[in-house]
Amino acid sequence: MPDAKGRVWCSRCKRHVGVFDDTEHERFRALYVEGVQAVKAFRERTGAPLSEVSFKTLFAPMYRAYAEFGGDSEVIAEEVLKHQRGRFGPPCATCGLELQSSRANWCIGCGARRKR
């Protein structure tokens, strides 16, 4: 179940995360695409390998927007796109954590089988 700030548990991130609706998801997807384009431009301009890319700097607009939204700025950029409200399932009948999808058969938090 959502915490006091309306965040849900993400098993991939191992923490409560801010989740957004379809409109907000499009906004974050656009910011993610801008970050990817910034990485490509940086590498073309400098010839630097991925290991030398400052993802925090090049994805800064997305991280800033996610932090303002109520998310954790330490999350990986690709993971932000997975924090769409529609991707999570209903709360587990046993422990209350959201199932990781609407099709999940068991809870990643407590291991209980889903009651349908």
C-alpha atoms as a PDB file:
ATOM      1  CA  MET A   1       0.000   0.000   0.000  1.00  0.00           C
ATOM      2  CA  PRO A   2       1.224   3.520  -0.678  1.00  0.00           C
ATOM      3  CA  ASP A   3       3.229   5.177   2.084  1.00  0.00           C
ATOM      4  CA  ALA A   4       2.299   8.545   3.618  1.00  0.00           C
ATOM      5  CA  LYS A   5       3.654  10.361   0.545  1.00  0.00           C
ATOM      6  CA  GLY A   6       1.685   8.189  -1.898  1.00  0.00           C
ATOM      7  CA  ARG A   7       4.769   6.261  -2.989  1.00  0.00           C
ATOM      8  CA  VAL A   8       4.695   2.523  -3.665  1.00  0.00           C
ATOM      9  CA  TRP A   9       7.266  -0.219  -3.072  1.00  0.00           C
ATOM     10  CA  CYS A  10       9.375  -1.024  -6.147  1.00  0.00           C
ATOM     11  CA  SER A  11      11.139  -4.369  -5.906  1.00  0.00           C
ATOM     12  CA  ARG A  12      13.617  -3.361  -8.606  1.00  0.00           C
ATOM     13  CA  CYS A  13      14.724  -0.242  -6.711  1.00  0.00           C
ATOM     14  CA  LYS A  14      14.275  -1.842  -3.264  1.00  0.00           C
ATOM     15  CA  ARG A  15      12.529   1.270  -1.930  1.00  0.00           C
ATOM     16  CA  HIS A  16       9.323   3.275  -2.024  1.00  0.00           C
ATOM     17  CA  VAL A  17       9.132   5.318  -5.218  1.00  0.00           C
ATOM     18  CA  GLY A  18       6.955   8.100  -6.557  1.00  0.00           C
ATOM     19  CA  VAL A  19       4.635   6.845  -9.282  1.00  0.00           C
ATOM     20  CA  PHE A  20       2.933   8.837 -11.989  1.00  0.00           C
ATOM     21  CA  ASP A  21      -0.032   8.675 -14.332  1.00  0.00           C
ATOM     22  CA  ASP A  22       0.129   8.430 -18.138  1.00  0.00           C
ATOM     23  CA  THR A  23       0.514  12.185 -18.691  1.00  0.00           C
ATOM     24  CA  GLU A  24       3.345  12.448 -16.173  1.00  0.00           C
ATOM     25  CA  HIS A  25       4.923   9.325 -17.667  1.00  0.00           C
ATOM     26  CA  GLU A  26       5.090  11.020 -21.082  1.00  0.00           C
ATOM     27  CA  ARG A  27       6.832  13.998 -19.490  1.00  0.00           C
ATOM     28  CA  PHE A  28       9.467  11.763 -17.890  1.00  0.00           C
ATOM     29  CA  ARG A  29       9.848   9.711 -21.067  1.00  0.00           C
ATOM     30  CA  ALA A  30      10.594  12.925 -22.998  1.00  0.00           C
ATOM     31  CA  LEU A  31      13.177  13.953 -20.375  1.00  0.00           C
ATOM     32  CA  TYR A  32      14.737  10.480 -20.580  1.00  0.00           C
ATOM     33  CA  VAL A  33      15.000  10.736 -24.385  1.00  0.00           C
ATOM     34  CA  GLU A  34      16.677  14.135 -23.982  1.00  0.00           C
ATOM     35  CA  GLY A  35      19.189  12.536 -21.598  1.00  0.00           C
ATOM     36  CA  VAL A  36      19.937   9.717 -24.060  1.00  0.00           C
ATOM     37  CA  GLN A  37      20.459  12.278 -26.823  1.00  0.00           C
ATOM     38  CA  ALA A  38      22.776  14.283 -24.537  1.00  0.00           C
ATOM     39  CA  VAL A  39      24.845  11.137 -23.848  1.00  0.00           C
ATOM     40  CA  LYS A  40      25.115  10.400 -27.589  1.00  0.00           C
ATOM     41  CA  ALA A  41      26.088  14.001 -28.373  1.00  0.00           C
ATOM     42  CA  PHE A  42      28.704  14.028 -25.609  1.00  0.00           C
ATOM     43  CA  ARG A  43      30.250  10.779 -26.847  1.00  0.00           C
ATOM     44  CA  GLU A  44      30.283  11.964 -30.472  1.00  0.00           C
ATOM     45  CA  ARG A  45      31.849  15.274 -29.447  1.00  0.00           C
ATOM     46  CA  THR A  46      34.500  13.816 -27.126  1.00  0.00           C
ATOM     47  CA  GLY A  47      34.938  10.217 -28.268  1.00  0.00           C
ATOM     48  CA  ALA A  48      34.579   9.189 -24.604  1.00  0.00           C
ATOM     49  CA  PRO A  49      33.572   5.633 -23.691  1.00  0.00           C
ATOM     50  CA  LEU A  50      30.399   5.104 -21.633  1.00  0.00           C
ATOM     51  CA  SER A  51      32.524   4.623 -18.516  1.00  0.00           C
ATOM     52  CA  GLU A  52      33.524   8.306 -18.731  1.00  0.00           C
ATOM     53  CA  VAL A  53      30.002   9.668 -19.210  1.00  0.00           C
ATOM     54  CA  SER A  54      28.529  11.635 -16.303  1.00  0.00           C
ATOM     55  CA  PHE A  55      24.974  10.293 -16.391  1.00  0.00           C
ATOM     56  CA  LYS A  56      24.030  12.397 -13.347  1.00  0.00           C
ATOM     57  CA  THR A  57      24.957  15.520 -15.280  1.00  0.00           C
ATOM     58  CA  LEU A  58      23.464  14.573 -18.638  1.00  0.00           C
ATOM     59  CA  PHE A  59      20.216  13.271 -17.129  1.00  0.00           C
ATOM     60  CA  ALA A  60      20.068  16.130 -14.588  1.00  0.00           C
ATOM     61  CA  PRO A  61      16.784  17.615 -15.936  1.00  0.00           C
ATOM     62  CA  MET A  62      15.052  14.263 -15.482  1.00  0.00           C
ATOM     63  CA  TYR A  63      16.520  13.660 -12.022  1.00  0.00           C
ATOM     64  CA  ARG A  64      15.533  17.186 -10.944  1.00  0.00           C
ATOM     65  CA  ALA A  65      11.967  16.734 -12.208  1.00  0.00           C
ATOM     66  CA  TYR A  66      11.680  13.340 -10.497  1.00  0.00           C
ATOM     67  CA  ALA A  67      12.976  14.755  -7.194  1.00  0.00           C
ATOM     68  CA  GLU A  68      10.473  17.644  -7.436  1.00  0.00           C
ATOM     69  CA  PHE A  69       7.776  15.070  -8.124  1.00  0.00           C
ATOM     70  CA  GLY A  70       8.649  13.344  -4.854  1.00  0.00           C
ATOM     71  CA  GLY A  71      10.884  10.586  -6.153  1.00  0.00           C
ATOM     72  CA  ASP A  72      14.355   9.650  -5.000  1.00  0.00           C
ATOM     73  CA  SER A  73      17.134  11.355  -6.953  1.00  0.00           C
ATOM     74  CA  GLU A  74      19.346   8.284  -6.439  1.00  0.00           C
ATOM     75  CA  VAL A  75      17.232   6.102  -8.741  1.00  0.00           C
ATOM     76  CA  ILE A  76      18.656   4.943 -12.087  1.00  0.00           C
ATOM     77  CA  ALA A  77      17.262   6.886 -15.062  1.00  0.00           C
ATOM     78  CA  GLU A  78      15.830   3.809 -16.818  1.00  0.00           C
ATOM     79  CA  GLU A  79      14.031   2.778 -13.634  1.00  0.00           C
ATOM     80  CA  VAL A  80      12.115   6.063 -13.451  1.00  0.00           C
ATOM     81  CA  LEU A  81      10.217   5.041 -16.580  1.00  0.00           C
ATOM     82  CA  LYS A  82       9.038   1.897 -14.785  1.00  0.00           C
ATOM     83  CA  HIS A  83       7.365   3.925 -12.034  1.00  0.00           C
ATOM     84  CA  GLN A  84       4.107   4.386 -13.894  1.00  0.00           C
ATOM     85  CA  ARG A  85       1.023   3.826 -11.743  1.00  0.00           C
ATOM     86  CA  GLY A  86      -0.561   1.445 -14.259  1.00  0.00           C
ATOM     87  CA  ARG A  87       2.436  -0.904 -14.159  1.00  0.00           C
ATOM     88  CA  PHE A  88       1.857  -1.871 -10.525  1.00  0.00           C
ATOM     89  CA  GLY A  89      -0.777  -4.336  -9.447  1.00  0.00           C
ATOM     90  CA  PRO A  90      -3.176  -4.260  -6.518  1.00  0.00           C
ATOM     91  CA  PRO A  91      -1.965  -4.450  -2.914  1.00  0.00           C
ATOM     92  CA  CYS A  92      -1.040  -7.869  -1.557  1.00  0.00           C
ATOM     93  CA  ALA A  93      -3.847  -9.237   0.614  1.00  0.00           C
ATOM     94  CA  THR A  94      -1.261 -10.417   3.159  1.00  0.00           C
ATOM     95  CA  CYS A  95       1.305  -7.618   3.549  1.00  0.00           C
ATOM     96  CA  GLY A  96      -0.188  -4.666   1.666  1.00  0.00           C
ATOM     97  CA  LEU A  97       2.731  -4.031  -0.723  1.00  0.00           C
ATOM     98  CA  GLU A  98       1.735  -3.473  -4.339  1.00  0.00           C
ATOM     99  CA  LEU A  99       2.164  -6.456  -6.588  1.00  0.00           C
ATOM    100  CA  GLN A 100       4.738  -5.716  -9.267  1.00  0.00           C
ATOM    101  CA  SER A 101       2.181  -5.995 -12.077  1.00  0.00           C
ATOM    102  CA  SER A 102      -1.502  -6.620 -12.583  1.00  0.00           C
ATOM    103  CA  ARG A 103      -0.612 -10.155 -13.726  1.00  0.00           C
ATOM    104  CA  ALA A 104       1.632 -11.057 -10.761  1.00  0.00           C
ATOM    105  CA  ASN A 105       0.723 -14.342  -9.090  1.00  0.00           C
ATOM    106  CA  TRP A 106       2.704 -13.821  -5.899  1.00  0.00           C
ATOM    107  CA  CYS A 107       3.982 -10.981  -3.761  1.00  0.00           C
ATOM    108  CA  ILE A 108       7.661 -10.132  -4.046  1.00  0.00           C
ATOM    109  CA  GLY A 109       7.529  -8.639  -0.539  1.00  0.00           C
ATOM    110  CA  CYS A 110       6.196 -11.534   1.518  1.00  0.00           C
ATOM    111  CA  GLY A 111       5.964 -14.389  -0.981  1.00  0.00           C
ATOM    112  CA  ALA A 112       2.217 -14.874  -0.548  1.00  0.00           C
ATOM    113  CA  ARG A 113       0.319 -16.266  -3.505  1.00  0.00           C
ATOM    114  CA  ARG A 114      -2.191 -13.860  -4.979  1.00  0.00           C
ATOM    115  CA  LYS A 115      -5.817 -14.509  -4.135  1.00  0.00           C
ATOM    116  CA  ARG A 116      -7.936 -13.950  -7.228  1.00  0.00           C
END
